[in-house]
Amino acid sequence: MSEPKTLAQQIEAAIDQGATTVEQIHHAIADLPLSALERSGLFERTAEDVRSLQHASIGAVYSVVREINHEVMNLAEELLGGEFAESRESPRS
C-alpha cells in the first residue's frame, strides 16, 4: 500500500499536468504555419527541419519548468514537511 501524497506532492503533480497541457497546446499552435507550408508544397523539407528544431526547443523549455517545479516541491517539503505531517496525523475535533 502506498503512502498518501503530501500537499507539496499534490501541488507538484497538478503543476506538471498543467505544464504538459500547455506544452501540447504550444506544439499544436506552433505546428499550424508549418503544416500550411507543407500542404502548399513550398519549403516542405525546410518546414520539417524547422518543426524538428521547434519541437526540441519547446520540449526543453517545459522540461526545465518541470525540473524547477520538482525542486520547489522538494524545498517545500523540506521547509514545511514537518508541519504538513503533523497536521495530517492529528485528529480533527
Protein backbone atom coordinates (compact mmCIF):
# COMPACT_ATOMS: atom_id res chain seq x y z
CA MET A 1 0.00 0.00 0.00
CA SER A 2 1.45 3.37 -0.93
CA GLU A 3 1.58 6.35 1.39
CA PRO A 4 -0.81 9.24 0.73
CA LYS A 5 0.71 12.11 -1.22
CA THR A 6 1.76 15.17 0.70
CA LEU A 7 0.26 18.55 -0.14
CA ALA A 8 3.54 19.52 -1.83
CA GLN A 9 3.42 16.37 -3.99
CA GLN A 10 -0.19 17.05 -4.96
CA ILE A 11 0.69 20.60 -5.97
CA GLU A 12 3.72 19.36 -7.92
CA ALA A 13 1.56 16.84 -9.80
CA ALA A 14 -1.04 19.50 -10.64
CA ILE A 15 1.62 21.89 -11.95
CA ASP A 16 3.24 19.11 -14.00
CA GLN A 17 -0.13 18.22 -15.55
CA GLY A 18 -0.78 21.88 -16.30
CA ALA A 19 2.66 22.27 -17.89
CA THR A 20 2.04 19.19 -20.04
CA THR A 21 -1.30 20.57 -21.23
CA VAL A 22 0.23 23.97 -22.04
CA GLU A 23 3.12 22.25 -23.84
CA GLN A 24 0.69 20.26 -26.00
CA ILE A 25 -1.21 23.44 -26.89
CA HIS A 26 2.08 25.22 -27.63
CA HIS A 27 3.12 22.41 -30.01
CA ALA A 28 -0.26 22.47 -31.77
CA ILE A 29 -0.21 26.23 -32.30
CA ALA A 30 3.44 26.27 -33.40
CA ASP A 31 2.69 23.50 -35.90
CA LEU A 32 -0.07 25.40 -37.75
CA PRO A 33 2.11 27.56 -40.04
CA LEU A 34 4.48 24.66 -40.72
CA SER A 35 1.61 22.41 -41.77
CA ALA A 36 0.40 25.14 -44.15
CA LEU A 37 3.86 25.32 -45.73
CA GLU A 38 3.95 21.56 -46.18
CA ARG A 39 0.47 21.46 -47.74
CA SER A 40 1.45 24.16 -50.22
CA GLY A 41 4.40 22.06 -51.36
CA LEU A 42 6.70 25.02 -50.80
CA PHE A 43 9.63 24.62 -48.45
CA GLU A 44 8.47 21.13 -47.43
CA ARG A 45 11.91 19.99 -46.27
CA THR A 46 12.54 23.33 -44.54
CA ALA A 47 9.23 23.00 -42.68
CA GLU A 48 10.21 19.52 -41.48
CA ASP A 49 13.60 20.80 -40.27
CA VAL A 50 12.02 23.77 -38.51
CA ARG A 51 9.37 21.52 -36.92
CA SER A 52 12.06 19.22 -35.54
CA LEU A 53 14.08 22.09 -34.08
CA GLN A 54 10.96 23.79 -32.76
CA HIS A 55 9.71 20.57 -31.12
CA ALA A 56 13.05 20.07 -29.37
CA SER A 57 13.16 23.70 -28.20
CA ILE A 58 9.61 23.70 -26.85
CA GLY A 59 10.21 20.37 -25.12
CA ALA A 60 13.39 21.69 -23.49
CA VAL A 61 11.56 24.72 -22.08
CA TYR A 62 8.81 22.63 -20.48
CA SER A 63 11.36 20.13 -19.21
CA VAL A 64 13.03 22.97 -17.29
CA VAL A 65 9.61 24.06 -15.94
CA ARG A 66 9.06 20.52 -14.61
CA GLU A 67 12.56 20.33 -13.11
CA ILE A 68 12.07 23.66 -11.31
CA ASN A 69 8.65 22.50 -10.13
CA HIS A 70 10.21 19.33 -8.69
CA GLU A 71 12.93 21.31 -6.89
CA VAL A 72 10.35 23.70 -5.43
CA MET A 73 8.35 20.70 -4.18
CA ASN A 74 11.48 19.27 -2.53
CA LEU A 75 12.22 22.61 -0.88
CA ALA A 76 8.61 22.98 0.31
CA GLU A 77 8.62 19.50 1.82
CA GLU A 78 11.97 20.19 3.47
CA LEU A 79 10.83 23.50 4.94
CA LEU A 80 7.22 22.64 5.71
CA GLY A 81 7.16 18.85 5.70
CA GLY A 82 7.03 18.51 9.45
CA GLU A 83 4.10 20.87 9.71
CA PHE A 84 2.18 19.03 6.97
CA ALA A 85 2.91 15.65 8.55
CA GLU A 86 1.79 16.83 12.00
CA SER A 87 -1.41 18.42 10.71
CA ARG A 88 -2.28 15.29 8.70
CA GLU A 89 -1.68 12.96 11.67
CA SER A 90 -3.56 14.92 14.34
CA PRO A 91 -7.26 14.10 14.55
CA ARG A 92 -9.65 16.98 13.97
CA SER A 93 -12.21 17.71 16.60
